[in-house]
Amino acid sequence: MERSLRTTLIDALALLGGRGIKAAVIGGLAVSLRGQPRMTVDVDLVVLADVEQALALVCELESTPFLPLFEGVEEVVSRSFILPLRHRSTGVRVDLAIGMSGFERQAVERATAVDLGGTAVPVVTPVDLLVMKAIAGRPRDEDDMRSIIATQGEALDWNACLELGRHLGEAIDIDIVSRLQAARR
């Protein structure tokens, strides 16, 4: 992993942990850690916080390694449930997805530690990451799904993946199972 991404990730987890906010790595970094390494330029985390906590964090950023990505970031937090930040020294963007759904909250709770050069980093499970990628459904996500499936091989709990995809798909009216099965083929 590139040094600037690693520094940014560790600083973000320290910032959140220091405020009692649980988080887990998602996005491209999670794919690199659970699947095959791939290029990414940002750090994506899902956090167990509500909008009020995220807005309070914005007010506390002055004394941290982070700053809001742009002026008026509070509106994005309130409307989109994402807190976009930039690391002051590395310049790397960090997107904190506020875990509003039960699935996101469970994904953070199920996350397992991955050793990143002596630092334990919480990363969503391969099953949760696959379902997240199936929901997003972009071409990059399809590639990511195939990478995770190929890397995890027999260790992947495919039944749990399909079950989670079925339940979540019914709740949000997306055929997640078909997307998962297509990636597996």
Protein backbone atom coordinates (compact mmCIF):
# COMPACT_ATOMS: atom_id res chain seq x y z
CA MET A 1 0.00 0.00 0.00
CA GLU A 2 1.27 3.44 -0.88
CA ARG A 3 2.75 5.27 2.11
CA SER A 4 0.41 8.29 1.84
CA LEU A 5 -2.67 6.06 1.83
CA ARG A 6 -1.39 4.08 4.81
CA THR A 7 -0.61 7.26 6.78
CA THR A 8 -4.01 8.71 5.96
CA LEU A 9 -5.84 5.52 6.89
CA ILE A 10 -4.05 5.15 10.22
CA ASP A 11 -4.59 8.83 11.07
CA ALA A 12 -8.30 8.58 10.18
CA LEU A 13 -8.77 5.51 12.37
CA ALA A 14 -6.93 7.25 15.22
CA LEU A 15 -9.11 10.34 14.84
CA LEU A 16 -12.28 8.28 14.96
CA GLY A 17 -11.10 5.90 17.67
CA GLY A 18 -10.09 8.83 19.85
CA ARG A 19 -13.69 9.98 19.72
CA GLY A 20 -15.14 6.54 20.37
CA ILE A 21 -16.39 6.13 16.80
CA LYS A 22 -16.05 2.62 15.38
CA ALA A 23 -15.17 2.35 11.70
CA ALA A 24 -14.22 -0.17 9.04
CA VAL A 25 -12.40 0.09 5.73
CA ILE A 26 -14.53 -0.21 2.60
CA GLY A 27 -13.99 0.72 -1.04
CA GLY A 28 -10.81 0.25 -3.04
CA LEU A 29 -8.54 -0.25 -0.04
CA ALA A 30 -10.80 -2.99 1.29
CA VAL A 31 -10.72 -4.66 -2.13
CA SER A 32 -6.92 -4.50 -2.10
CA LEU A 33 -6.86 -6.08 1.36
CA ARG A 34 -9.58 -8.71 0.71
CA GLY A 35 -9.02 -9.28 -3.00
CA GLN A 36 -6.24 -8.42 -5.40
CA PRO A 37 -4.30 -5.16 -5.07
CA ARG A 38 -5.70 -2.38 -7.20
CA MET A 39 -5.11 1.30 -7.71
CA THR A 40 -7.01 3.67 -5.46
CA VAL A 41 -6.42 7.29 -4.53
CA ASP A 42 -8.64 7.70 -1.48
CA VAL A 43 -9.60 6.15 1.82
CA ASP A 44 -13.21 5.04 2.31
CA LEU A 45 -14.55 4.17 5.75
CA VAL A 46 -18.00 3.38 7.07
CA VAL A 47 -18.48 4.77 10.56
CA LEU A 48 -20.86 4.03 13.41
CA ALA A 49 -21.98 7.60 13.91
CA ASP A 50 -25.06 9.69 13.34
CA VAL A 51 -25.33 13.02 11.55
CA GLU A 52 -24.95 14.98 14.80
CA GLN A 53 -21.70 13.18 15.64
CA ALA A 54 -20.38 13.77 12.12
CA LEU A 55 -21.24 17.47 12.33
CA ALA A 56 -19.54 17.67 15.74
CA LEU A 57 -16.46 16.08 14.18
CA VAL A 58 -16.40 18.81 11.53
CA CYS A 59 -16.23 21.41 14.31
CA GLU A 60 -13.25 19.60 15.90
CA LEU A 61 -11.11 19.24 12.76
CA GLU A 62 -8.92 22.30 13.34
CA SER A 63 -6.61 20.44 15.72
CA THR A 64 -6.49 17.22 13.68
CA PRO A 65 -4.58 16.01 10.61
CA PHE A 66 -7.78 16.53 8.58
CA LEU A 67 -9.78 19.37 7.11
CA PRO A 68 -13.14 19.42 5.35
CA LEU A 69 -12.82 18.74 1.63
CA PHE A 70 -14.62 22.03 0.88
CA GLU A 71 -16.54 24.87 2.48
CA GLY A 72 -20.09 24.00 3.50
CA VAL A 73 -19.36 20.31 3.97
CA GLU A 74 -22.05 20.28 6.67
CA GLU A 75 -24.75 20.30 3.98
CA VAL A 76 -23.28 17.19 2.35
CA VAL A 77 -23.18 15.45 5.73
CA SER A 78 -26.83 16.30 6.39
CA ARG A 79 -28.11 15.37 2.93
CA SER A 80 -25.85 12.57 1.72
CA PHE A 81 -24.58 11.08 4.99
CA ILE A 82 -20.96 11.35 3.79
CA LEU A 83 -18.25 13.42 5.43
CA PRO A 84 -15.55 14.14 2.83
CA LEU A 85 -12.19 15.14 4.29
CA ARG A 86 -8.64 15.75 3.12
CA HIS A 87 -5.50 14.82 5.04
CA ARG A 88 -3.46 17.98 5.65
CA SER A 89 -0.02 16.53 4.95
CA THR A 90 -0.67 13.73 2.43
CA GLY A 91 -3.47 15.46 0.52
CA VAL A 92 -5.35 12.16 0.36
CA ARG A 93 -9.14 12.34 0.37
CA VAL A 94 -11.09 10.44 3.03
CA ASP A 95 -14.79 9.69 2.68
CA LEU A 96 -16.52 8.82 5.93
CA ALA A 97 -19.83 7.11 5.11
CA ILE A 98 -22.17 7.52 8.05
CA GLY A 99 -23.49 4.04 8.78
CA MET A 100 -27.19 4.79 8.86
CA SER A 101 -28.55 1.42 7.76
CA GLY A 102 -28.68 -1.74 9.81
CA PHE A 103 -26.53 -3.46 7.19
CA GLU A 104 -23.78 -0.82 7.45
CA ARG A 105 -23.84 -0.98 11.22
CA GLN A 106 -23.62 -4.78 11.16
CA ALA A 107 -20.80 -4.63 8.61
CA VAL A 108 -18.74 -2.46 10.97
CA GLU A 109 -19.47 -4.80 13.87
CA ARG A 110 -18.49 -7.86 11.78
CA ALA A 111 -15.30 -6.26 10.43
CA THR A 112 -12.13 -8.14 11.18
CA ALA A 113 -8.62 -6.85 11.70
CA VAL A 114 -6.08 -7.03 8.89
CA ASP A 115 -2.42 -6.47 9.72
CA LEU A 116 -1.10 -3.47 7.85
CA GLY A 117 2.58 -3.24 8.65
CA GLY A 118 2.10 -3.89 12.35
CA THR A 119 -1.16 -1.97 12.68
CA ALA A 120 -4.46 -3.84 13.02
CA VAL A 121 -6.94 -2.24 10.64
CA PRO A 122 -10.66 -3.13 10.74
CA VAL A 123 -11.85 -4.16 7.27
CA VAL A 124 -15.37 -5.26 6.36
CA THR A 125 -15.65 -8.98 5.74
CA PRO A 126 -15.38 -10.34 2.20
CA VAL A 127 -19.11 -11.19 2.30
CA ASP A 128 -20.10 -7.66 3.32
CA LEU A 129 -17.72 -6.13 0.80
CA LEU A 130 -19.15 -8.27 -1.99
CA VAL A 131 -22.68 -7.22 -1.13
CA MET A 132 -21.64 -3.54 -0.98
CA LYS A 133 -20.04 -3.85 -4.41
CA ALA A 134 -23.11 -5.65 -5.80
CA ILE A 135 -25.34 -2.83 -4.55
CA ALA A 136 -23.14 -0.19 -6.19
CA GLY A 137 -23.15 -2.17 -9.45
CA ARG A 138 -20.67 -0.05 -11.47
CA PRO A 139 -18.23 -1.74 -13.88
CA ARG A 140 -15.37 -1.12 -11.40
CA ASP A 141 -17.46 -2.81 -8.69
CA GLU A 142 -18.03 -5.84 -10.92
CA ASP A 143 -14.25 -6.14 -11.41
CA ASP A 144 -13.76 -5.78 -7.66
CA MET A 145 -16.29 -8.53 -6.98
CA ARG A 146 -14.49 -10.94 -9.31
CA SER A 147 -11.18 -10.05 -7.61
CA ILE A 148 -12.56 -10.78 -4.14
CA ILE A 149 -14.17 -14.04 -5.24
CA ALA A 150 -10.98 -15.22 -6.97
CA THR A 151 -8.76 -14.32 -4.02
CA GLN A 152 -11.01 -15.68 -1.29
CA GLY A 153 -11.69 -18.94 -3.13
CA GLU A 154 -13.05 -21.70 -0.92
CA ALA A 155 -12.68 -19.53 2.20
CA LEU A 156 -15.59 -17.37 1.01
CA ASP A 157 -18.88 -18.30 2.68
CA TRP A 158 -20.91 -18.20 -0.51
CA ASN A 159 -24.15 -19.29 1.20
CA ALA A 160 -23.90 -16.41 3.69
CA CYS A 161 -23.18 -14.04 0.83
CA LEU A 162 -26.25 -15.11 -1.14
CA GLU A 163 -28.44 -15.08 1.98
CA LEU A 164 -27.34 -11.54 2.90
CA GLY A 165 -27.76 -10.45 -0.71
CA ARG A 166 -31.27 -11.91 -0.84
CA HIS A 167 -32.43 -10.28 2.41
CA LEU A 168 -30.89 -6.91 1.66
CA GLY A 169 -32.02 -7.01 -1.96
CA GLU A 170 -35.61 -7.56 -0.90
CA ALA A 171 -35.38 -4.65 1.53
CA ILE A 172 -34.02 -2.17 -1.03
CA ASP A 173 -35.61 -3.69 -4.16
CA ILE A 174 -32.38 -4.55 -5.99
CA ASP A 175 -31.55 -7.99 -7.40
CA ILE A 176 -28.28 -8.34 -5.52
CA VAL A 177 -28.20 -12.14 -5.83
CA SER A 178 -28.09 -12.03 -9.65
CA ARG A 179 -25.20 -9.56 -9.52
CA LEU A 180 -23.32 -11.78 -7.10
CA GLN A 181 -23.92 -14.89 -9.19
CA ALA A 182 -22.81 -13.10 -12.38
CA ALA A 183 -19.54 -12.09 -10.69
CA ARG A 184 -18.99 -15.65 -9.52
CA ARG A 185 -19.36 -17.00 -13.07
